[in-house]
PDB file of all heavy atoms in Angstrom:
ATOM      1  N   HIS A   1      43.204-106.143  70.828  1.00  0.00           N
ATOM      2  CA  HIS A   1      44.715-106.182  70.923  1.00  0.00           C
ATOM      3  C   HIS A   1      45.223-105.178  71.902  1.00  0.00           C
ATOM      4  O   HIS A   1      46.057-105.482  72.812  1.00  0.00           O
ATOM      5  CB  HIS A   1      45.435-105.996  69.595  1.00  0.00           C
ATOM      6  CG  HIS A   1      45.170-107.081  68.541  1.00  0.00           C
ATOM      7  ND1 HIS A   1      45.844-108.269  68.709  1.00  0.00           N
ATOM      8  CD2 HIS A   1      44.422-107.170  67.508  1.00  0.00           C
ATOM      9  CE1 HIS A   1      45.575-109.081  67.748  1.00  0.00           C
ATOM     10  NE2 HIS A   1      44.637-108.463  66.997  1.00  0.00           N
ATOM     11  N   ALA A   2      44.755-103.964  71.817  1.00  0.00           N
ATOM     12  CA  ALA A   2      45.230-102.884  72.734  1.00  0.00           C
ATOM     13  C   ALA A   2      44.880-103.114  74.164  1.00  0.00           C
ATOM     14  O   ALA A   2      45.674-102.852  75.058  1.00  0.00           O
ATOM     15  CB  ALA A   2      44.652-101.536  72.311  1.00  0.00           C
ATOM     16  N   MET A   3      43.730-103.712  74.352  1.00  0.00           N
ATOM     17  CA  MET A   3      43.316-104.018  75.798  1.00  0.00           C
ATOM     18  C   MET A   3      44.236-105.103  76.419  1.00  0.00           C
ATOM     19  O   MET A   3      44.618-105.004  77.582  1.00  0.00           O
ATOM     20  CB  MET A   3      41.861-104.494  75.812  1.00  0.00           C
ATOM     21  CG  MET A   3      40.885-103.366  75.476  1.00  0.00           C
ATOM     22  SD  MET A   3      39.175-104.018  75.115  1.00  0.00           S
ATOM     23  CE  MET A   3      38.716-104.612  76.697  1.00  0.00           C
ATOM     24  N   ILE A   4      44.567-106.137  75.641  1.00  0.00           N
ATOM     25  CA  ILE A   4      45.511-107.190  76.150  1.00  0.00           C
ATOM     26  C   ILE A   4      46.793-106.545  76.378  1.00  0.00           C
ATOM     27  O   ILE A   4      47.487-106.793  77.431  1.00  0.00           O
ATOM     28  CB  ILE A   4      45.586-108.348  75.186  1.00  0.00           C
ATOM     29  CG1 ILE A   4      44.261-109.160  75.192  1.00  0.00           C
ATOM     30  CG2 ILE A   4      46.740-109.304  75.515  1.00  0.00           C
ATOM     31  CD1 ILE A   4      44.208-110.309  74.307  1.00  0.00           C
ATOM     32  N   ALA A   5      47.373-105.777  75.397  1.00  0.00           N
ATOM     33  CA  ALA A   5      48.684-105.182  75.586  1.00  0.00           C
ATOM     34  C   ALA A   5      48.736-104.275  76.815  1.00  0.00           C
ATOM     35  O   ALA A   5      49.766-104.119  77.509  1.00  0.00           O
ATOM     36  CB  ALA A   5      49.096-104.419  74.372  1.00  0.00           C
ATOM     37  N   ALA A   6      47.574-103.653  77.147  1.00  0.00           N
ATOM     38  CA  ALA A   6      47.499-102.710  78.294  1.00  0.00           C
ATOM     39  C   ALA A   6      47.309-103.439  79.600  1.00  0.00           C
ATOM     40  O   ALA A   6      47.271-102.754  80.700  1.00  0.00           O
ATOM     41  CB  ALA A   6      46.376-101.638  77.986  1.00  0.00           C
ATOM     42  N   GLY A   7      47.103-104.707  79.614  1.00  0.00           N
ATOM     43  CA  GLY A   7      46.997-105.439  80.853  1.00  0.00           C
ATOM     44  C   GLY A   7      45.638-105.957  81.219  1.00  0.00           C
ATOM     45  O   GLY A   7      45.411-106.229  82.418  1.00  0.00           O
ATOM     46  N   ALA A   8      44.699-106.044  80.263  1.00  0.00           N
ATOM     47  CA  ALA A   8      43.311-106.435  80.547  1.00  0.00           C
ATOM     48  C   ALA A   8      43.228-107.884  81.169  1.00  0.00           C
ATOM     49  O   ALA A   8      42.285-108.188  81.917  1.00  0.00           O
ATOM     50  CB  ALA A   8      42.482-106.369  79.323  1.00  0.00           C
ATOM     51  N   LEU A   9      44.221-108.715  80.917  1.00  0.00           N
ATOM     52  CA  LEU A   9      44.206-110.099  81.449  1.00  0.00           C
ATOM     53  C   LEU A   9      44.415-110.165  82.959  1.00  0.00           C
ATOM     54  O   LEU A   9      44.257-111.181  83.506  1.00  0.00           O
ATOM     55  CB  LEU A   9      45.259-110.918  80.723  1.00  0.00           C
ATOM     56  CG  LEU A   9      45.056-111.034  79.241  1.00  0.00           C
ATOM     57  CD1 LEU A   9      46.172-112.004  78.654  1.00  0.00           C
ATOM     58  CD2 LEU A   9      43.689-111.574  78.867  1.00  0.00           C
ATOM     59  N   ARG A  10      44.768-109.058  83.507  1.00  0.00           N
ATOM     60  CA  ARG A  10      44.950-109.019  84.992  1.00  0.00           C
ATOM     61  C   ARG A  10      43.659-108.740  85.756  1.00  0.00           C
ATOM     62  O   ARG A  10      43.663-108.796  87.035  1.00  0.00           O
ATOM     63  CB  ARG A  10      45.992-107.988  85.321  1.00  0.00           C
ATOM     64  CG  ARG A  10      47.412-108.197  84.792  1.00  0.00           C
ATOM     65  CD  ARG A  10      48.427-107.297  85.413  1.00  0.00           C
ATOM     66  NE  ARG A  10      48.569-107.526  86.849  1.00  0.00           N
ATOM     67  CZ  ARG A  10      49.455-108.406  87.360  1.00  0.00           C
ATOM     68  NH1 ARG A  10      50.213-109.056  86.520  1.00  0.00           N
ATOM     69  NH2 ARG A  10      49.535-108.599  88.676  1.00  0.00           N
ATOM     70  N   HIS A  11      42.569-108.464  85.088  1.00  0.00           N
ATOM     71  CA  HIS A  11      41.444-107.929  85.758  1.00  0.00           C
ATOM     72  C   HIS A  11      40.323-108.959  85.829  1.00  0.00           C
ATOM     73  O   HIS A  11      39.311-108.913  85.096  1.00  0.00           O
ATOM     74  CB  HIS A  11      40.866-106.681  85.030  1.00  0.00           C
ATOM     75  CG  HIS A  11      41.910-105.599  84.976  1.00  0.00           C
ATOM     76  ND1 HIS A  11      42.525-105.022  86.094  1.00  0.00           N
ATOM     77  CD2 HIS A  11      42.419-104.971  83.939  1.00  0.00           C
ATOM     78  CE1 HIS A  11      43.417-104.129  85.718  1.00  0.00           C
ATOM     79  NE2 HIS A  11      43.348-103.991  84.423  1.00  0.00           N
ATOM     80  N   GLY A  12      40.477-109.980  86.667  1.00  0.00           N
ATOM     81  CA  GLY A  12      39.427-110.905  86.952  1.00  0.00           C
ATOM     82  C   GLY A  12      39.177-112.035  85.961  1.00  0.00           C
ATOM     83  O   GLY A  12      38.264-112.822  86.144  1.00  0.00           O
ATOM     84  N   LEU A  13      40.003-112.132  84.979  1.00  0.00           N
ATOM     85  CA  LEU A  13      39.840-113.218  83.984  1.00  0.00           C
ATOM     86  C   LEU A  13      40.539-114.463  84.441  1.00  0.00           C
ATOM     87  O   LEU A  13      41.646-114.400  84.985  1.00  0.00           O
ATOM     88  CB  LEU A  13      40.359-112.728  82.603  1.00  0.00           C
ATOM     89  CG  LEU A  13      39.577-111.655  81.926  1.00  0.00           C
ATOM     90  CD1 LEU A  13      40.256-111.324  80.584  1.00  0.00           C
ATOM     91  CD2 LEU A  13      38.135-112.087  81.674  1.00  0.00           C
ATOM     92  N   ARG A  14      39.937-115.570  84.154  1.00  0.00           N
ATOM     93  CA  ARG A  14      40.503-116.886  84.476  1.00  0.00           C
ATOM     94  C   ARG A  14      40.998-117.639  83.293  1.00  0.00           C
ATOM     95  O   ARG A  14      41.747-118.603  83.320  1.00  0.00           O
ATOM     96  CB  ARG A  14      39.530-117.746  85.266  1.00  0.00           C
ATOM     97  CG  ARG A  14      39.206-117.161  86.661  1.00  0.00           C
ATOM     98  CD  ARG A  14      38.123-117.885  87.371  1.00  0.00           C
ATOM     99  NE  ARG A  14      38.425-119.293  87.490  1.00  0.00           N
ATOM    100  CZ  ARG A  14      37.472-120.188  87.901  1.00  0.00           C
ATOM    101  NH1 ARG A  14      36.213-119.779  88.191  1.00  0.00           N
ATOM    102  NH2 ARG A  14      37.790-121.452  88.068  1.00  0.00           N
ATOM    103  N   ALA A  15      40.385-117.212  82.120  1.00  0.00           N
ATOM    104  CA  ALA A  15      40.744-117.905  80.812  1.00  0.00           C
ATOM    105  C   ALA A  15      40.643-116.885  79.704  1.00  0.00           C
ATOM    106  O   ALA A  15      39.868-115.901  79.770  1.00  0.00           O
ATOM    107  CB  ALA A  15      39.870-119.074  80.565  1.00  0.00           C
ATOM    108  N   VAL A  16      41.407-117.112  78.656  1.00  0.00           N
ATOM    109  CA  VAL A  16      41.358-116.244  77.467  1.00  0.00           C
ATOM    110  C   VAL A  16      41.346-117.179  76.213  1.00  0.00           C
ATOM    111  O   VAL A  16      42.118-118.159  76.157  1.00  0.00           O
ATOM    112  CB  VAL A  16      42.486-115.210  77.358  1.00  0.00           C
ATOM    113  CG1 VAL A  16      43.904-115.924  77.280  1.00  0.00           C
ATOM    114  CG2 VAL A  16      42.333-114.299  76.159  1.00  0.00           C
ATOM    115  N   VAL A  17      40.486-116.883  75.261  1.00  0.00           N
ATOM    116  CA  VAL A  17      40.337-117.627  74.070  1.00  0.00           C
ATOM    117  C   VAL A  17      40.962-116.836  72.901  1.00  0.00           C
ATOM    118  O   VAL A  17      40.645-115.651  72.727  1.00  0.00           O
ATOM    119  CB  VAL A  17      38.847-117.966  73.740  1.00  0.00           C
ATOM    120  CG1 VAL A  17      38.775-118.871  72.482  1.00  0.00           C
ATOM    121  CG2 VAL A  17      38.199-118.681  74.988  1.00  0.00           C
ATOM    122  N   LEU A  18      41.811-117.463  72.119  1.00  0.00           N
ATOM    123  CA  LEU A  18      42.428-116.885  70.977  1.00  0.00           C
ATOM    124  C   LEU A  18      41.870-117.560  69.692  1.00  0.00           C
ATOM    125  O   LEU A  18      42.505-118.466  69.156  1.00  0.00           O
ATOM    126  CB  LEU A  18      43.954-116.991  71.026  1.00  0.00           C
ATOM    127  CG  LEU A  18      44.627-116.512  72.338  1.00  0.00           C
ATOM    128  CD1 LEU A  18      46.105-116.805  72.374  1.00  0.00           C
ATOM    129  CD2 LEU A  18      44.351-115.026  72.583  1.00  0.00           C
ATOM    130  N   PRO A  19      40.732-117.089  69.160  1.00  0.00           N
ATOM    131  CA  PRO A  19      40.142-117.796  67.981  1.00  0.00           C
ATOM    132  C   PRO A  19      40.813-117.382  66.696  1.00  0.00           C
ATOM    133  O   PRO A  19      40.717-116.253  66.258  1.00  0.00           O
ATOM    134  CB  PRO A  19      38.700-117.329  68.050  1.00  0.00           C
ATOM    135  CG  PRO A  19      38.767-115.946  68.743  1.00  0.00           C
ATOM    136  CD  PRO A  19      39.901-116.006  69.660  1.00  0.00           C
ATOM    137  N   ASP A  20      41.495-118.288  66.084  1.00  0.00           N
ATOM    138  CA  ASP A  20      42.231-118.055  64.788  1.00  0.00           C
ATOM    139  C   ASP A  20      43.053-116.791  64.914  1.00  0.00           C
ATOM    140  O   ASP A  20      43.040-115.916  63.942  1.00  0.00           O
ATOM    141  CB  ASP A  20      41.242-117.993  63.673  1.00  0.00           C
ATOM    142  CG  ASP A  20      41.977-118.241  62.299  1.00  0.00           C
ATOM    143  OD1 ASP A  20      42.888-119.065  62.272  1.00  0.00           O
ATOM    144  OD2 ASP A  20      41.586-117.508  61.345  1.00  0.00           O
ATOM    145  N   SER A  21      43.708-116.567  65.991  1.00  0.00           N
ATOM    146  CA  SER A  21      44.399-115.308  66.300  1.00  0.00           C
ATOM    147  C   SER A  21      45.804-115.328  65.619  1.00  0.00           C
ATOM    148  O   SER A  21      46.811-115.609  66.314  1.00  0.00           O
ATOM    149  CB  SER A  21      44.545-115.041  67.808  1.00  0.00           C
ATOM    150  OG  SER A  21      43.237-114.989  68.350  1.00  0.00           O
ATOM    151  N   LEU A  22      45.837-115.046  64.338  1.00  0.00           N
ATOM    152  CA  LEU A  22      47.035-115.112  63.554  1.00  0.00           C
ATOM    153  C   LEU A  22      48.086-114.080  63.952  1.00  0.00           C
ATOM    154  O   LEU A  22      49.245-114.283  63.838  1.00  0.00           O
ATOM    155  CB  LEU A  22      46.748-115.057  62.117  1.00  0.00           C
ATOM    156  CG  LEU A  22      45.791-116.111  61.465  1.00  0.00           C
ATOM    157  CD1 LEU A  22      45.568-115.839  60.012  1.00  0.00           C
ATOM    158  CD2 LEU A  22      46.354-117.479  61.747  1.00  0.00           C
ATOM    159  N   ALA A  23      47.603-112.894  64.361  1.00  0.00           N
ATOM    160  CA  ALA A  23      48.492-111.704  64.562  1.00  0.00           C
ATOM    161  C   ALA A  23      48.581-111.373  66.097  1.00  0.00           C
ATOM    162  O   ALA A  23      47.494-111.210  66.679  1.00  0.00           O
ATOM    163  CB  ALA A  23      47.954-110.526  63.735  1.00  0.00           C
ATOM    164  N   LEU A  24      49.765-111.316  66.629  1.00  0.00           N
ATOM    165  CA  LEU A  24      49.950-110.838  67.997  1.00  0.00           C
ATOM    166  C   LEU A  24      51.151-109.974  68.056  1.00  0.00           C
ATOM    167  O   LEU A  24      52.197-110.269  67.398  1.00  0.00           O
ATOM    168  CB  LEU A  24      50.086-112.015  68.926  1.00  0.00           C
ATOM    169  CG  LEU A  24      48.900-112.931  69.249  1.00  0.00           C
ATOM    170  CD1 LEU A  24      49.330-114.092  70.045  1.00  0.00           C
ATOM    171  CD2 LEU A  24      47.832-112.124  69.938  1.00  0.00           C
ATOM    172  N   SER A  25      51.174-108.972  68.837  1.00  0.00           N
ATOM    173  CA  SER A  25      52.333-108.151  69.090  1.00  0.00           C
ATOM    174  C   SER A  25      53.192-108.670  70.138  1.00  0.00           C
ATOM    175  O   SER A  25      52.748-109.514  70.960  1.00  0.00           O
ATOM    176  CB  SER A  25      51.879-106.685  69.503  1.00  0.00           C
ATOM    177  OG  SER A  25      51.365-106.709  70.807  1.00  0.00           O
ATOM    178  N   PRO A  26      54.490-108.327  70.245  1.00  0.00           N
ATOM    179  CA  PRO A  26      55.333-108.812  71.369  1.00  0.00           C
ATOM    180  C   PRO A  26      54.751-108.484  72.683  1.00  0.00           C
ATOM    181  O   PRO A  26      54.822-109.289  73.615  1.00  0.00           O
ATOM    182  CB  PRO A  26      56.633-108.052  71.041  1.00  0.00           C
ATOM    183  CG  PRO A  26      56.699-107.758  69.587  1.00  0.00           C
ATOM    184  CD  PRO A  26      55.253-107.570  69.258  1.00  0.00           C
ATOM    185  N   ALA A  27      54.115-107.252  72.791  1.00  0.00           N
ATOM    186  CA  ALA A  27      53.500-106.881  74.112  1.00  0.00           C
ATOM    187  C   ALA A  27      52.352-107.773  74.466  1.00  0.00           C
ATOM    188  O   ALA A  27      52.204-108.203  75.634  1.00  0.00           O
ATOM    189  CB  ALA A  27      53.107-105.410  74.018  1.00  0.00           C
ATOM    190  N   GLU A  28      51.539-108.152  73.454  1.00  0.00           N
ATOM    191  CA  GLU A  28      50.413-109.033  73.777  1.00  0.00           C
ATOM    192  C   GLU A  28      50.963-110.406  74.163  1.00  0.00           C
ATOM    193  O   GLU A  28      50.443-111.066  75.143  1.00  0.00           O
ATOM    194  CB  GLU A  28      49.582-109.221  72.508  1.00  0.00           C
ATOM    195  CG  GLU A  28      48.665-108.025  72.187  1.00  0.00           C
ATOM    196  CD  GLU A  28      48.018-108.228  70.893  1.00  0.00           C
ATOM    197  OE1 GLU A  28      48.536-107.966  69.844  1.00  0.00           O
ATOM    198  OE2 GLU A  28      46.879-108.763  70.927  1.00  0.00           O
ATOM    199  N   SER A  29      51.957-110.936  73.421  1.00  0.00           N
ATOM    200  CA  SER A  29      52.444-112.296  73.664  1.00  0.00           C
ATOM    201  C   SER A  29      53.035-112.353  75.085  1.00  0.00           C
ATOM    202  O   SER A  29      52.860-113.289  75.851  1.00  0.00           O
ATOM    203  CB  SER A  29      53.541-112.561  72.671  1.00  0.00           C
ATOM    204  OG  SER A  29      52.974-112.667  71.401  1.00  0.00           O
ATOM    205  N   ALA A  30      53.655-111.233  75.525  1.00  0.00           N
ATOM    206  CA  ALA A  30      54.266-111.219  76.848  1.00  0.00           C
ATOM    207  C   ALA A  30      53.157-111.220  77.936  1.00  0.00           C
ATOM    208  O   ALA A  30      53.287-111.921  78.963  1.00  0.00           O
ATOM    209  CB  ALA A  30      55.170-109.911  77.009  1.00  0.00           C
ATOM    210  N   LYS A  31      52.095-110.456  77.706  1.00  0.00           N
ATOM    211  CA  LYS A  31      51.005-110.416  78.640  1.00  0.00           C
ATOM    212  C   LYS A  31      50.292-111.728  78.767  1.00  0.00           C
ATOM    213  O   LYS A  31      49.889-112.218  79.792  1.00  0.00           O
ATOM    214  CB  LYS A  31      50.000-109.325  78.261  1.00  0.00           C
ATOM    215  CG  LYS A  31      50.563-107.900  78.272  1.00  0.00           C
ATOM    216  CD  LYS A  31      50.944-107.472  79.727  1.00  0.00           C
ATOM    217  CE  LYS A  31      51.344-106.057  79.689  1.00  0.00           C
ATOM    218  NZ  LYS A  31      51.761-105.539  81.092  1.00  0.00           N
ATOM    219  N   ILE A  32      50.223-112.469  77.604  1.00  0.00           N
ATOM    220  CA  ILE A  32      49.550-113.730  77.598  1.00  0.00           C
ATOM    221  C   ILE A  32      50.378-114.817  78.342  1.00  0.00           C
ATOM    222  O   ILE A  32      49.898-115.631  79.100  1.00  0.00           O
ATOM    223  CB  ILE A  32      49.196-114.259  76.154  1.00  0.00           C
ATOM    224  CG1 ILE A  32      48.146-113.314  75.511  1.00  0.00           C
ATOM    225  CG2 ILE A  32      48.800-115.667  76.124  1.00  0.00           C
ATOM    226  CD1 ILE A  32      47.965-113.504  74.061  1.00  0.00           C
ATOM    227  N   ARG A  33      51.683-114.753  78.111  1.00  0.00           N
ATOM    228  CA  ARG A  33      52.663-115.622  78.896  1.00  0.00           C
ATOM    229  C   ARG A  33      52.600-115.334  80.307  1.00  0.00           C
ATOM    230  O   ARG A  33      52.531-116.302  81.221  1.00  0.00           O
ATOM    231  CB  ARG A  33      54.052-115.416  78.309  1.00  0.00           C
ATOM    232  CG  ARG A  33      54.305-115.949  76.943  1.00  0.00           C
ATOM    233  CD  ARG A  33      55.799-115.997  76.654  1.00  0.00           C
ATOM    234  NE  ARG A  33      56.031-116.255  75.229  1.00  0.00           N
ATOM    235  CZ  ARG A  33      56.286-115.315  74.359  1.00  0.00           C
ATOM    236  NH1 ARG A  33      56.350-114.044  74.676  1.00  0.00           N
ATOM    237  NH2 ARG A  33      56.495-115.626  73.090  1.00  0.00           N
ATOM    238  N   GLN A  34      52.512-114.089  80.760  1.00  0.00           N
ATOM    239  CA  GLN A  34      52.383-113.746  82.138  1.00  0.00           C
ATOM    240  C   GLN A  34      51.087-114.263  82.764  1.00  0.00           C
ATOM    241  O   GLN A  34      51.096-114.768  83.871  1.00  0.00           O
ATOM    242  CB  GLN A  34      52.516-112.225  82.368  1.00  0.00           C
ATOM    243  CG  GLN A  34      53.857-111.734  81.994  1.00  0.00           C
ATOM    244  CD  GLN A  34      53.898-110.148  81.865  1.00  0.00           C
ATOM    245  OE1 GLN A  34      52.907-109.484  82.228  1.00  0.00           O
ATOM    246  NE2 GLN A  34      55.028-109.623  81.356  1.00  0.00           N
ATOM    247  N   PHE A  35      50.061-114.114  81.962  1.00  0.00           N
ATOM    248  CA  PHE A  35      48.724-114.585  82.454  1.00  0.00           C
ATOM    249  C   PHE A  35      48.748-116.068  82.689  1.00  0.00           C
ATOM    250  O   PHE A  35      48.268-116.660  83.640  1.00  0.00           O
ATOM    251  CB  PHE A  35      47.651-114.265  81.327  1.00  0.00           C
ATOM    252  CG  PHE A  35      46.260-114.776  81.516  1.00  0.00           C
ATOM    253  CD1 PHE A  35      45.441-114.252  82.582  1.00  0.00           C
ATOM    254  CD2 PHE A  35      45.784-115.844  80.771  1.00  0.00           C
ATOM    255  CE1 PHE A  35      44.199-114.752  82.763  1.00  0.00           C
ATOM    256  CE2 PHE A  35      44.536-116.327  81.023  1.00  0.00           C
ATOM    257  CZ  PHE A  35      43.748-115.779  81.970  1.00  0.00           C
ATOM    258  N   ARG A  36      49.379-116.856  81.719  1.00  0.00           N
ATOM    259  CA  ARG A  36      49.487-118.304  81.883  1.00  0.00           C
ATOM    260  C   ARG A  36      50.376-118.640  83.106  1.00  0.00           C
ATOM    261  O   ARG A  36      50.084-119.586  83.790  1.00  0.00           O
ATOM    262  CB  ARG A  36      50.130-118.843  80.614  1.00  0.00           C
ATOM    263  CG  ARG A  36      50.378-120.336  80.652  1.00  0.00           C
ATOM    264  CD  ARG A  36      49.006-121.096  80.612  1.00  0.00           C
ATOM    265  NE  ARG A  36      49.202-122.553  80.832  1.00  0.00           N
ATOM    266  CZ  ARG A  36      49.204-123.135  82.009  1.00  0.00           C
ATOM    267  NH1 ARG A  36      49.036-122.432  83.172  1.00  0.00           N
ATOM    268  NH2 ARG A  36      49.395-124.420  82.084  1.00  0.00           N
ATOM    269  N   ALA A  37      51.445-117.864  83.327  1.00  0.00           N
ATOM    270  CA  ALA A  37      52.345-118.159  84.407  1.00  0.00           C
ATOM    271  C   ALA A  37      51.587-117.983  85.757  1.00  0.00           C
ATOM    272  O   ALA A  37      51.880-118.569  86.739  1.00  0.00           O
ATOM    273  CB  ALA A  37      53.516-117.237  84.370  1.00  0.00           C
ATOM    274  N   ARG A  38      50.585-117.106  85.815  1.00  0.00           N
ATOM    275  CA  ARG A  38      49.802-116.830  87.099  1.00  0.00           C
ATOM    276  C   ARG A  38      48.720-117.899  87.236  1.00  0.00           C
ATOM    277  O   ARG A  38      47.933-117.779  88.172  1.00  0.00           O
ATOM    278  CB  ARG A  38      49.164-115.438  86.993  1.00  0.00           C
ATOM    279  CG  ARG A  38      50.202-114.265  87.035  1.00  0.00           C
ATOM    280  CD  ARG A  38      49.408-112.943  87.308  1.00  0.00           C
ATOM    281  NE  ARG A  38      48.442-112.684  86.335  1.00  0.00           N
ATOM    282  CZ  ARG A  38      48.655-112.001  85.221  1.00  0.00           C
ATOM    283  NH1 ARG A  38      49.877-111.550  84.908  1.00  0.00           N
ATOM    284  NH2 ARG A  38      47.663-111.741  84.360  1.00  0.00           N
ATOM    285  N   GLY A  39      48.573-118.828  86.323  1.00  0.00           N
ATOM    286  CA  GLY A  39      47.668-119.875  86.429  1.00  0.00           C
ATOM    287  C   GLY A  39      46.397-119.731  85.550  1.00  0.00           C
ATOM    288  O   GLY A  39      45.525-120.533  85.541  1.00  0.00           O
ATOM    289  N   GLY A  40      46.448-118.689  84.673  1.00  0.00           N
ATOM    290  CA  GLY A  40      45.379-118.515  83.753  1.00  0.00           C
ATOM    291  C   GLY A  40      45.342-119.539  82.645  1.00  0.00           C
ATOM    292  O   GLY A  40      46.404-120.119  82.282  1.00  0.00           O
ATOM    293  N   LEU A  41      44.242-119.863  82.078  1.00  0.00           N
ATOM    294  CA  LEU A  41      44.016-120.851  80.987  1.00  0.00           C
ATOM    295  C   LEU A  41      44.020-120.112  79.648  1.00  0.00           C
ATOM    296  O   LEU A  41      43.254-119.172  79.485  1.00  0.00           O
ATOM    297  CB  LEU A  41      42.731-121.601  81.220  1.00  0.00           C
ATOM    298  CG  LEU A  41      42.385-122.740  80.186  1.00  0.00           C
ATOM    299  CD1 LEU A  41      43.459-123.842  80.246  1.00  0.00           C
ATOM    300  CD2 LEU A  41      41.045-123.278  80.501  1.00  0.00           C
TER     301      LEU A  41
END
């Protein structure tokens, strides 16, 4: 969780899998939306 909130999705990843990911913080959700907006899967 901390890695995603800190911006790990910006470092060379093209896709992210959320397996039964029931809990997310607002910071994580924002980073995931930004990742999707940049073309990430």
